[in-house]
Amino acid sequence: MDTCVVVDLEMTGLNFKTDRILEIGAVKLEEGNISSVFHRMVNPKMILTEEIISLTGITNEMVQEGCDCGQAVQEFLAFAEGLPLAGHNLMYDYRFLKQAAANQGLELEKEGIDTLKLARKLLPLAEKKSLDYLCGFLHIDRARKHRALEDARATAELLLYLYKEFAGKEPEEFRAQPLHFKVKKQQPASKRQKRHLKELAEYHKIELDQELDSLTRSEASRMVNKIILTCGRIPG
């Protein structure tokens, strides 16, 4: 707890294998204070759904100005180098970071502290343990919900509150633990897959919602199968 990096992500969905990072926000805690911040908007190279836009307030125009996911993750790893992570439901975000790092050929092995687990044990009077609820319950200021940097700041405030109130009685709860999770590098879609997908889309007059060069092999395969199932093959 002397120094750690509190991180939060916004994503296009819940599945680290098929959904993409939209935003990375993090704050570095040193001796009980935020010493520095990290924020990157990420271009997911796909059209965002109305559900995600409504939830996060992140628009297609905003992500067009974002950087490549690989660049964002590399810069975050440099920001958090040598330090444990903290987050609310930390493994959820860690899965996305780990997959993105693996796709860049990077190793990511961290220890971490999960404020969700801490809240479940240390705040029995809180009816819910979501970050939204706990911010209201503990009167933690939060400018915007479901934006990465603001949520990282709020999580840091939650962690500091829990540490101040309970570390004296429950010191072991605040020791960072290894984050065990394995992923495999996702291979990019082949030229043949991209060509076939482009031909199918053009024949059926379908506007693809993801850039072809951003697709993995499994994503391209699923998209081809979906188009054939719903629209049919190209005759001949």
Protein backbone atom coordinates (compact mmCIF):
# COMPACT_ATOMS: atom_id res chain seq x y z
CA MET A 1 0.00 0.00 0.00
CA ASP A 2 2.99 2.39 0.14
CA THR A 3 2.80 2.70 -3.64
CA CYS A 4 0.38 1.15 -6.11
CA VAL A 5 -1.42 1.93 -9.36
CA VAL A 6 -5.22 2.04 -9.30
CA VAL A 7 -6.59 1.24 -12.75
CA ASP A 8 -9.94 1.23 -14.50
CA LEU A 9 -10.91 0.41 -18.08
CA GLU A 10 -13.88 1.09 -20.30
CA MET A 11 -14.56 -1.58 -22.90
CA THR A 12 -16.95 -2.34 -25.74
CA GLY A 13 -18.35 -5.32 -23.83
CA LEU A 14 -17.71 -7.94 -21.19
CA ASN A 15 -15.69 -10.59 -23.02
CA PHE A 16 -11.92 -10.04 -23.06
CA LYS A 17 -11.56 -12.36 -26.07
CA THR A 18 -14.06 -10.62 -28.33
CA ASP A 19 -14.52 -7.09 -26.94
CA ARG A 20 -12.08 -4.21 -27.03
CA ILE A 21 -10.59 -1.60 -24.74
CA LEU A 22 -11.95 1.93 -25.19
CA GLU A 23 -10.19 3.82 -22.43
CA ILE A 24 -7.50 3.28 -19.78
CA GLY A 25 -7.39 5.46 -16.69
CA ALA A 26 -5.04 5.07 -13.74
CA VAL A 27 -3.68 6.95 -10.74
CA LYS A 28 -0.49 6.29 -8.85
CA LEU A 29 -0.85 6.29 -5.07
CA GLU A 30 2.21 7.15 -3.01
CA GLU A 31 2.04 7.49 0.78
CA GLY A 32 -1.72 8.01 0.73
CA ASN A 33 -1.85 10.58 -2.05
CA ILE A 34 -2.33 10.60 -5.81
CA SER A 35 1.10 11.48 -7.19
CA SER A 36 0.44 11.09 -10.94
CA VAL A 37 -2.27 10.12 -13.38
CA PHE A 38 -2.48 8.18 -16.65
CA HIS A 39 -5.18 8.42 -19.30
CA ARG A 40 -5.45 7.11 -22.83
CA MET A 41 -8.43 7.03 -25.14
CA VAL A 42 -8.18 3.95 -27.37
CA ASN A 43 -9.43 3.59 -30.93
CA PRO A 44 -11.13 0.15 -31.00
CA LYS A 45 -11.35 0.31 -34.81
CA MET A 46 -15.02 -0.51 -34.76
CA ILE A 47 -18.37 1.29 -34.60
CA LEU A 48 -19.63 1.61 -31.03
CA THR A 49 -23.08 0.38 -30.11
CA GLU A 50 -25.69 2.81 -28.82
CA GLU A 51 -25.67 0.90 -25.53
CA ILE A 52 -21.97 1.56 -24.95
CA ILE A 53 -22.30 5.21 -26.00
CA SER A 54 -25.21 5.68 -23.59
CA LEU A 55 -23.43 3.93 -20.70
CA THR A 56 -20.05 5.63 -20.99
CA GLY A 57 -20.67 8.84 -22.88
CA ILE A 58 -17.81 7.83 -25.18
CA THR A 59 -18.70 8.51 -28.82
CA ASN A 60 -17.40 7.26 -32.14
CA GLU A 61 -15.93 10.72 -32.75
CA MET A 62 -14.02 10.57 -29.47
CA VAL A 63 -12.42 7.19 -30.11
CA GLN A 64 -11.39 8.21 -33.62
CA GLU A 65 -8.91 10.53 -31.91
CA GLY A 66 -7.65 7.71 -29.70
CA CYS A 67 -4.40 5.79 -30.02
CA ASP A 68 -3.85 2.18 -30.98
CA CYS A 69 -4.59 -0.33 -28.22
CA GLY A 70 -1.09 -1.77 -28.34
CA GLN A 71 0.44 1.66 -27.82
CA ALA A 72 -1.93 2.46 -24.94
CA VAL A 73 -1.17 -0.80 -23.14
CA GLN A 74 2.59 -0.41 -23.58
CA GLU A 75 2.43 3.11 -22.15
CA PHE A 76 0.30 1.92 -19.24
CA LEU A 77 2.75 -0.88 -18.45
CA ALA A 78 5.54 1.69 -18.35
CA PHE A 79 3.45 3.86 -15.99
CA ALA A 80 2.78 0.89 -13.68
CA GLU A 81 6.21 -0.73 -13.97
CA GLY A 82 7.31 -2.47 -10.81
CA LEU A 83 4.14 -1.63 -8.89
CA PRO A 84 1.11 -3.67 -7.79
CA LEU A 85 -2.28 -2.83 -9.23
CA ALA A 86 -5.52 -2.04 -7.48
CA GLY A 87 -9.03 -1.88 -8.87
CA HIS A 88 -12.70 -2.54 -8.24
CA ASN A 89 -13.31 -6.07 -9.51
CA LEU A 90 -9.69 -5.93 -10.61
CA MET A 91 -9.55 -9.28 -12.45
CA TYR A 92 -12.21 -8.07 -14.87
CA ASP A 93 -9.97 -5.26 -16.13
CA TYR A 94 -6.80 -7.32 -15.73
CA ARG A 95 -8.08 -9.91 -18.22
CA PHE A 96 -8.39 -7.25 -20.91
CA LEU A 97 -4.97 -5.80 -20.12
CA LYS A 98 -3.40 -9.24 -20.13
CA GLN A 99 -4.94 -10.17 -23.49
CA ALA A 100 -3.95 -6.86 -25.06
CA ALA A 101 -0.40 -7.24 -23.74
CA ALA A 102 -0.16 -10.83 -25.03
CA ASN A 103 -1.28 -9.67 -28.48
CA GLN A 104 1.70 -7.31 -28.47
CA GLY A 105 4.05 -10.08 -27.38
CA LEU A 106 4.42 -8.49 -23.93
CA GLU A 107 4.55 -10.19 -20.54
CA LEU A 108 2.17 -8.95 -17.86
CA GLU A 109 2.47 -10.51 -14.43
CA LYS A 110 1.24 -8.40 -11.54
CA GLU A 111 0.12 -8.52 -7.94
CA GLY A 112 -3.04 -6.69 -7.00
CA ILE A 113 -5.56 -5.52 -4.43
CA ASP A 114 -9.28 -5.73 -5.22
CA THR A 115 -11.47 -3.11 -3.53
CA LEU A 116 -14.56 -5.16 -4.37
CA LYS A 117 -13.26 -8.07 -2.29
CA LEU A 118 -12.27 -5.67 0.47
CA ALA A 119 -15.72 -4.07 0.50
CA ARG A 120 -17.45 -7.43 0.64
CA LYS A 121 -15.52 -8.33 3.79
CA LEU A 122 -15.13 -4.97 5.50
CA LEU A 123 -18.37 -3.13 4.68
CA PRO A 124 -21.20 -5.52 5.67
CA LEU A 125 -23.63 -2.63 6.17
CA ALA A 126 -23.37 -1.53 2.53
CA GLU A 127 -26.33 -3.12 0.75
CA LYS A 128 -24.47 -3.27 -2.56
CA LYS A 129 -20.78 -3.43 -3.31
CA SER A 130 -20.71 -1.82 -6.75
CA LEU A 131 -18.50 1.24 -7.19
CA ASP A 132 -21.59 3.32 -7.96
CA TYR A 133 -23.26 2.38 -4.69
CA LEU A 134 -20.15 2.62 -2.52
CA CYS A 135 -19.33 6.11 -3.78
CA GLY A 136 -22.77 7.24 -2.61
CA PHE A 137 -22.57 5.23 0.60
CA LEU A 138 -19.20 6.74 1.56
CA HIS A 139 -19.77 10.19 0.02
CA ILE A 140 -16.91 9.82 -2.45
CA ASP A 141 -16.96 12.55 -5.11
CA ARG A 142 -17.19 11.27 -8.66
CA ALA A 143 -17.51 13.69 -11.55
CA ARG A 144 -18.60 11.16 -14.17
CA LYS A 145 -19.60 7.50 -13.98
CA HIS A 146 -18.18 4.88 -16.32
CA ARG A 147 -15.21 6.92 -17.46
CA ALA A 148 -11.88 5.31 -16.79
CA LEU A 149 -9.90 8.06 -15.08
CA GLU A 150 -12.79 9.25 -12.91
CA ASP A 151 -13.53 5.69 -11.84
CA ALA A 152 -9.85 5.08 -11.10
CA ARG A 153 -9.80 8.19 -8.89
CA ALA A 154 -12.95 7.07 -7.08
CA THR A 155 -11.53 3.58 -6.56
CA ALA A 156 -8.36 5.12 -5.14
CA GLU A 157 -10.44 7.13 -2.67
CA LEU A 158 -12.33 3.97 -1.72
CA LEU A 159 -9.07 2.09 -1.18
CA LEU A 160 -7.64 4.89 0.96
CA TYR A 161 -10.80 4.98 3.09
CA LEU A 162 -10.75 1.22 3.63
CA TYR A 163 -7.04 1.28 4.47
CA LYS A 164 -7.46 4.09 6.99
CA GLU A 165 -10.43 2.43 8.69
CA PHE A 166 -9.43 -1.22 8.67
CA ALA A 167 -5.70 -1.76 8.01
CA GLY A 168 -4.91 -1.60 11.70
CA LYS A 169 -7.20 -4.54 12.46
CA GLU A 170 -6.94 -6.41 9.15
CA PRO A 171 -3.45 -5.72 7.75
CA GLU A 172 -3.29 -8.95 5.77
CA GLU A 173 -6.30 -7.89 3.70
CA PHE A 174 -4.24 -5.07 2.21
CA ARG A 175 -1.34 -7.16 0.97
CA ALA A 176 -1.20 -7.40 -2.81
CA GLN A 177 -1.74 -10.94 -4.08
CA PRO A 178 -0.52 -12.49 -7.37
CA LEU A 179 -3.02 -12.09 -10.21
CA HIS A 180 -3.17 -15.50 -11.85
CA PHE A 181 -4.63 -15.52 -15.33
CA LYS A 182 -3.42 -17.11 -18.56
CA VAL A 183 -4.15 -15.99 -22.11
CA LYS A 184 -2.93 -16.89 -25.58
CA LYS A 185 -1.87 -14.41 -28.23
CA GLN A 186 -4.67 -13.84 -30.71
CA GLN A 187 -3.50 -14.23 -34.29
CA PRO A 188 -4.52 -11.56 -36.83
CA ALA A 189 -6.95 -12.49 -39.58
CA SER A 190 -5.29 -13.90 -42.69
CA LYS A 191 -5.34 -12.12 -46.05
CA ARG A 192 -7.64 -14.84 -47.36
CA GLN A 193 -10.11 -14.33 -44.51
CA LYS A 194 -10.17 -10.57 -44.98
CA ARG A 195 -10.61 -10.88 -48.73
CA HIS A 196 -13.49 -13.36 -48.32
CA LEU A 197 -15.16 -11.18 -45.70
CA LYS A 198 -14.84 -8.08 -47.88
CA GLU A 199 -16.32 -9.90 -50.87
CA LEU A 200 -19.25 -11.20 -48.81
CA ALA A 201 -19.96 -7.75 -47.38
CA GLU A 202 -19.85 -6.09 -50.78
CA TYR A 203 -22.06 -8.74 -52.42
CA HIS A 204 -24.72 -8.55 -49.69
CA LYS A 205 -24.34 -4.75 -49.35
CA ILE A 206 -23.41 -5.03 -45.67
CA GLU A 207 -21.49 -2.29 -43.88
CA LEU A 208 -18.98 -3.94 -41.58
CA ASP A 209 -18.71 -2.40 -38.10
CA GLN A 210 -15.07 -3.38 -37.60
CA GLU A 211 -11.97 -2.52 -39.60
CA LEU A 212 -10.70 -5.57 -41.47
CA ASP A 213 -7.08 -5.04 -40.43
CA SER A 214 -8.07 -5.04 -36.76
CA LEU A 215 -9.70 -8.49 -36.84
CA THR A 216 -8.31 -11.64 -35.29
CA ARG A 217 -8.64 -14.97 -37.06
CA SER A 218 -11.45 -16.08 -34.78
CA GLU A 219 -13.31 -12.76 -35.18
CA ALA A 220 -13.06 -12.92 -38.97
CA SER A 221 -14.25 -16.53 -38.95
CA ARG A 222 -17.27 -15.67 -36.80
CA MET A 223 -18.18 -12.73 -39.02
CA VAL A 224 -17.97 -14.83 -42.19
CA ASN A 225 -20.12 -17.56 -40.66
CA LYS A 226 -22.69 -15.03 -39.45
CA ILE A 227 -23.05 -13.42 -42.87
CA ILE A 228 -23.35 -16.79 -44.62
CA LEU A 229 -25.92 -17.96 -42.07
CA THR A 230 -28.09 -14.86 -42.35
CA CYS A 231 -27.56 -13.82 -45.97
CA GLY A 232 -26.14 -16.83 -47.78
CA ARG A 233 -23.02 -17.55 -49.78
CA ILE A 234 -21.94 -15.81 -52.96
CA PRO A 235 -23.46 -17.81 -55.88
CA GLY A 236 -21.16 -19.73 -58.14
